[in-house]
Amino acid sequence: MVSLSLDTSELVHLLRSPHRTTQAVLDQAILNGFELIVSPVVRHELVSGALLSASPERRLAQLEELLVQFTEPDFTPDDASASGRLRASLLKQGTPIGDIDVLIAGQALTRGWTVATRNVRHFGRVQGLSLIDWSVRAEVLSAGEIAARISD
């Protein structure tokens, strides 16, 4: 079974205006039996954003309604260690990404998940991380496509 871990950018897009293409891909993924994942780190970002919005109660209700479609696994010590190694590696290479993105990517690498994101520029810096950008298409991006998106 393929596990798709949606990052914050993808879920915010769904929450703001369920674009037909993205929602259709999400619905199709569910119908095809893909496991849809939301990391606790992504939940943290989404709850924080909802609480800072003009309508926090409404945003929180929308968020919970959306998240019932997803598996929400724990963030384990192995995930934390992998994320720490990843952060150190990216810093040494001079290609850091945000701390939250490091946690999402580290957990996905540890678990063998594909990350669905609209932020290929950051996540594409992570060697070996499988990415999908549903705004482009519902398939894993090739190494060449990722490299082109990073250099834009």
C-alpha atoms as a PDB file:
ATOM      1  CA  MET A   1       0.000   0.000   0.000  1.00  0.00           C
ATOM      2  CA  VAL A   2       1.273   3.451  -0.908  1.00  0.00           C
ATOM      3  CA  SER A   3       1.114   5.996   1.886  1.00  0.00           C
ATOM      4  CA  LEU A   4       0.660   9.648   0.942  1.00  0.00           C
ATOM      5  CA  SER A   5       1.591  12.180   3.595  1.00  0.00           C
ATOM      6  CA  LEU A   6      -0.022  15.531   2.845  1.00  0.00           C
ATOM      7  CA  ASP A   7       1.947  18.524   3.987  1.00  0.00           C
ATOM      8  CA  THR A   8       0.452  21.729   5.283  1.00  0.00           C
ATOM      9  CA  SER A   9       0.441  23.518   1.916  1.00  0.00           C
ATOM     10  CA  GLU A  10      -1.699  20.809   0.329  1.00  0.00           C
ATOM     11  CA  LEU A  11      -4.173  20.673   3.210  1.00  0.00           C
ATOM     12  CA  VAL A  12      -4.472  24.463   3.447  1.00  0.00           C
ATOM     13  CA  HIS A  13      -5.297  24.466  -0.254  1.00  0.00           C
ATOM     14  CA  LEU A  14      -8.049  21.902   0.355  1.00  0.00           C
ATOM     15  CA  LEU A  15      -9.393  23.848   3.335  1.00  0.00           C
ATOM     16  CA  ARG A  16      -9.441  27.229   1.607  1.00  0.00           C
ATOM     17  CA  SER A  17     -11.080  26.309  -1.636  1.00  0.00           C
ATOM     18  CA  PRO A  18     -11.433  22.651  -2.494  1.00  0.00           C
ATOM     19  CA  HIS A  19     -10.076  22.984  -6.006  1.00  0.00           C
ATOM     20  CA  ARG A  20     -11.726  20.352  -8.197  1.00  0.00           C
ATOM     21  CA  THR A  21      -8.506  18.812  -9.436  1.00  0.00           C
ATOM     22  CA  THR A  22      -6.947  18.422  -5.994  1.00  0.00           C
ATOM     23  CA  GLN A  23     -10.170  17.180  -4.396  1.00  0.00           C
ATOM     24  CA  ALA A  24     -10.695  14.726  -7.262  1.00  0.00           C
ATOM     25  CA  VAL A  25      -7.177  13.364  -6.771  1.00  0.00           C
ATOM     26  CA  LEU A  26      -7.787  13.044  -3.030  1.00  0.00           C
ATOM     27  CA  ASP A  27     -11.106  11.278  -3.604  1.00  0.00           C
ATOM     28  CA  GLN A  28      -9.507   8.969  -6.172  1.00  0.00           C
ATOM     29  CA  ALA A  29      -6.649   8.153  -3.800  1.00  0.00           C
ATOM     30  CA  ILE A  30      -9.165   7.139  -1.132  1.00  0.00           C
ATOM     31  CA  LEU A  31     -11.147   5.038  -3.625  1.00  0.00           C
ATOM     32  CA  ASN A  32      -7.950   3.320  -4.773  1.00  0.00           C
ATOM     33  CA  GLY A  33      -7.158   2.349  -1.195  1.00  0.00           C
ATOM     34  CA  PHE A  34      -4.157   4.593  -0.681  1.00  0.00           C
ATOM     35  CA  GLU A  35      -3.400   5.349   2.929  1.00  0.00           C
ATOM     36  CA  LEU A  36      -3.664   9.107   3.422  1.00  0.00           C
ATOM     37  CA  ILE A  37      -1.440  10.383   6.212  1.00  0.00           C
ATOM     38  CA  VAL A  38      -1.342  13.588   8.223  1.00  0.00           C
ATOM     39  CA  SER A  39       1.664  13.941  10.482  1.00  0.00           C
ATOM     40  CA  PRO A  40       1.095  15.358  13.977  1.00  0.00           C
ATOM     41  CA  VAL A  41       3.496  18.107  12.899  1.00  0.00           C
ATOM     42  CA  VAL A  42       1.124  19.105  10.089  1.00  0.00           C
ATOM     43  CA  ARG A  43      -1.840  18.996  12.498  1.00  0.00           C
ATOM     44  CA  HIS A  44       0.116  21.364  14.759  1.00  0.00           C
ATOM     45  CA  GLU A  45       0.576  23.869  11.918  1.00  0.00           C
ATOM     46  CA  LEU A  46      -3.058  23.618  10.841  1.00  0.00           C
ATOM     47  CA  VAL A  47      -4.487  24.052  14.348  1.00  0.00           C
ATOM     48  CA  SER A  48      -2.202  27.019  14.975  1.00  0.00           C
ATOM     49  CA  GLY A  49      -3.302  28.646  11.725  1.00  0.00           C
ATOM     50  CA  ALA A  50      -6.977  27.997  12.442  1.00  0.00           C
ATOM     51  CA  LEU A  51      -6.724  29.551  15.898  1.00  0.00           C
ATOM     52  CA  LEU A  52      -5.084  32.666  14.452  1.00  0.00           C
ATOM     53  CA  SER A  53      -7.768  33.105  11.788  1.00  0.00           C
ATOM     54  CA  ALA A  54     -10.683  35.533  11.948  1.00  0.00           C
ATOM     55  CA  SER A  55     -13.085  32.600  12.530  1.00  0.00           C
ATOM     56  CA  PRO A  56     -11.185  30.102  14.693  1.00  0.00           C
ATOM     57  CA  GLU A  57     -14.134  27.888  15.668  1.00  0.00           C
ATOM     58  CA  ARG A  58     -15.327  27.564  12.078  1.00  0.00           C
ATOM     59  CA  ARG A  59     -11.787  26.861  10.829  1.00  0.00           C
ATOM     60  CA  LEU A  60     -11.217  24.227  13.520  1.00  0.00           C
ATOM     61  CA  ALA A  61     -14.503  22.520  12.596  1.00  0.00           C
ATOM     62  CA  GLN A  62     -13.515  22.505   8.897  1.00  0.00           C
ATOM     63  CA  LEU A  63     -10.125  21.094   9.808  1.00  0.00           C
ATOM     64  CA  GLU A  64     -11.572  18.258  11.872  1.00  0.00           C
ATOM     65  CA  GLU A  65     -14.075  17.456   9.127  1.00  0.00           C
ATOM     66  CA  LEU A  66     -11.235  17.139   6.611  1.00  0.00           C
ATOM     67  CA  LEU A  67      -8.859  15.193   8.862  1.00  0.00           C
ATOM     68  CA  VAL A  68     -11.296  12.329   9.517  1.00  0.00           C
ATOM     69  CA  GLN A  69     -10.260  11.063   6.056  1.00  0.00           C
ATOM     70  CA  PHE A  70      -6.640  10.603   7.187  1.00  0.00           C
ATOM     71  CA  THR A  71      -4.562   8.301   9.339  1.00  0.00           C
ATOM     72  CA  GLU A  72      -2.664  10.262  11.989  1.00  0.00           C
ATOM     73  CA  PRO A  73       0.291   8.195  13.210  1.00  0.00           C
ATOM     74  CA  ASP A  74       2.404   9.135  16.211  1.00  0.00           C
ATOM     75  CA  PHE A  75       5.693  10.988  15.810  1.00  0.00           C
ATOM     76  CA  THR A  76       8.178   8.478  17.246  1.00  0.00           C
ATOM     77  CA  PRO A  77      11.729   8.722  18.593  1.00  0.00           C
ATOM     78  CA  ASP A  78      12.921   7.145  15.300  1.00  0.00           C
ATOM     79  CA  ASP A  79      11.121   9.908  13.384  1.00  0.00           C
ATOM     80  CA  ALA A  80      12.748  12.538  15.616  1.00  0.00           C
ATOM     81  CA  SER A  81      16.231  11.041  15.166  1.00  0.00           C
ATOM     82  CA  ALA A  82      15.825  10.828  11.383  1.00  0.00           C
ATOM     83  CA  SER A  83      14.636  14.441  11.323  1.00  0.00           C
ATOM     84  CA  GLY A  84      17.625  15.540  13.389  1.00  0.00           C
ATOM     85  CA  ARG A  85      20.041  13.764  11.043  1.00  0.00           C
ATOM     86  CA  LEU A  86      18.279  15.297   8.051  1.00  0.00           C
ATOM     87  CA  ARG A  87      18.452  18.814   9.508  1.00  0.00           C
ATOM     88  CA  ALA A  88      22.172  18.454  10.230  1.00  0.00           C
ATOM     89  CA  SER A  89      22.822  17.129   6.725  1.00  0.00           C
ATOM     90  CA  LEU A  90      20.907  19.961   5.042  1.00  0.00           C
ATOM     91  CA  LEU A  91      22.685  22.578   7.171  1.00  0.00           C
ATOM     92  CA  LYS A  92      26.097  21.093   6.316  1.00  0.00           C
ATOM     93  CA  GLN A  93      25.189  21.204   2.613  1.00  0.00           C
ATOM     94  CA  GLY A  94      24.070  24.817   2.914  1.00  0.00           C
ATOM     95  CA  THR A  95      20.529  23.903   1.782  1.00  0.00           C
ATOM     96  CA  PRO A  96      18.436  24.215   4.941  1.00  0.00           C
ATOM     97  CA  ILE A  97      14.653  24.069   4.993  1.00  0.00           C
ATOM     98  CA  GLY A  98      12.250  25.137   7.734  1.00  0.00           C
ATOM     99  CA  ASP A  99      12.189  23.163  10.971  1.00  0.00           C
ATOM    100  CA  ILE A 100       8.596  22.026  10.446  1.00  0.00           C
ATOM    101  CA  ASP A 101       9.410  20.833   6.913  1.00  0.00           C
ATOM    102  CA  VAL A 102      12.412  18.910   8.285  1.00  0.00           C
ATOM    103  CA  LEU A 103      10.139  17.109  10.759  1.00  0.00           C
ATOM    104  CA  ILE A 104       7.620  16.253   8.023  1.00  0.00           C
ATOM    105  CA  ALA A 105      10.346  15.068   5.628  1.00  0.00           C
ATOM    106  CA  GLY A 106      12.239  13.117   8.292  1.00  0.00           C
ATOM    107  CA  GLN A 107       9.124  11.229   9.329  1.00  0.00           C
ATOM    108  CA  ALA A 108       8.217  10.522   5.696  1.00  0.00           C
ATOM    109  CA  LEU A 109      11.716   9.213   4.926  1.00  0.00           C
ATOM    110  CA  THR A 110      11.687   6.966   7.993  1.00  0.00           C
ATOM    111  CA  ARG A 111       8.296   5.521   7.086  1.00  0.00           C
ATOM    112  CA  GLY A 112       8.750   5.336   3.303  1.00  0.00           C
ATOM    113  CA  TRP A 113       5.903   7.763   2.612  1.00  0.00           C
ATOM    114  CA  THR A 114       5.432   9.941  -0.445  1.00  0.00           C
ATOM    115  CA  VAL A 115       4.835  13.600   0.453  1.00  0.00           C
ATOM    116  CA  ALA A 116       2.092  15.497  -1.384  1.00  0.00           C
ATOM    117  CA  THR A 117       3.122  19.155  -1.329  1.00  0.00           C
ATOM    118  CA  ARG A 118       2.922  22.434  -3.168  1.00  0.00           C
ATOM    119  CA  ASN A 119       6.313  23.314  -1.690  1.00  0.00           C
ATOM    120  CA  VAL A 120       8.610  21.282  -3.947  1.00  0.00           C
ATOM    121  CA  ARG A 121      11.264  24.005  -3.662  1.00  0.00           C
ATOM    122  CA  HIS A 122      11.916  23.051  -0.009  1.00  0.00           C
ATOM    123  CA  PHE A 123      11.030  19.366   0.082  1.00  0.00           C
ATOM    124  CA  GLY A 124      12.937  18.767  -3.153  1.00  0.00           C
ATOM    125  CA  ARG A 125      16.205  19.440  -1.302  1.00  0.00           C
ATOM    126  CA  VAL A 126      15.722  16.205   0.648  1.00  0.00           C
ATOM    127  CA  GLN A 127      17.583  13.361  -1.055  1.00  0.00           C
ATOM    128  CA  GLY A 128      15.468  10.244  -1.512  1.00  0.00           C
ATOM    129  CA  LEU A 129      12.148  11.850  -0.587  1.00  0.00           C
ATOM    130  CA  SER A 130       9.348  10.910  -2.980  1.00  0.00           C
ATOM    131  CA  LEU A 131       7.154  13.909  -3.887  1.00  0.00           C
ATOM    132  CA  ILE A 132       3.829  14.578  -5.568  1.00  0.00           C
ATOM    133  CA  ASP A 133       2.586  18.054  -6.455  1.00  0.00           C
ATOM    134  CA  TRP A 134      -1.113  17.637  -7.238  1.00  0.00           C
ATOM    135  CA  SER A 135      -1.205  21.099  -8.778  1.00  0.00           C
ATOM    136  CA  VAL A 136       0.906  19.560 -11.564  1.00  0.00           C
ATOM    137  CA  ARG A 137      -0.348  15.951 -11.680  1.00  0.00           C
ATOM    138  CA  ALA A 138      -1.134  12.966  -9.475  1.00  0.00           C
ATOM    139  CA  GLU A 139       2.145  11.144 -10.050  1.00  0.00           C
ATOM    140  CA  VAL A 140       5.468  11.130  -8.249  1.00  0.00           C
ATOM    141  CA  LEU A 141       7.789  13.833  -9.595  1.00  0.00           C
ATOM    142  CA  SER A 142      10.970  12.679 -11.317  1.00  0.00           C
ATOM    143  CA  ALA A 143      14.395  13.750 -10.067  1.00  0.00           C
ATOM    144  CA  GLY A 144      14.697  16.066 -13.088  1.00  0.00           C
ATOM    145  CA  GLU A 145      11.352  17.730 -12.383  1.00  0.00           C
ATOM    146  CA  ILE A 146      12.318  18.260  -8.752  1.00  0.00           C
ATOM    147  CA  ALA A 147      15.717  19.707  -9.745  1.00  0.00           C
ATOM    148  CA  ALA A 148      14.038  22.124 -12.159  1.00  0.00           C
ATOM    149  CA  ARG A 149      11.581  23.264  -9.474  1.00  0.00           C
ATOM    150  CA  ILE A 150      14.352  23.822  -6.916  1.00  0.00           C
ATOM    151  CA  SER A 151      16.357  26.017  -9.275  1.00  0.00           C
ATOM    152  CA  ASP A 152      13.388  28.228 -10.272  1.00  0.00           C
END
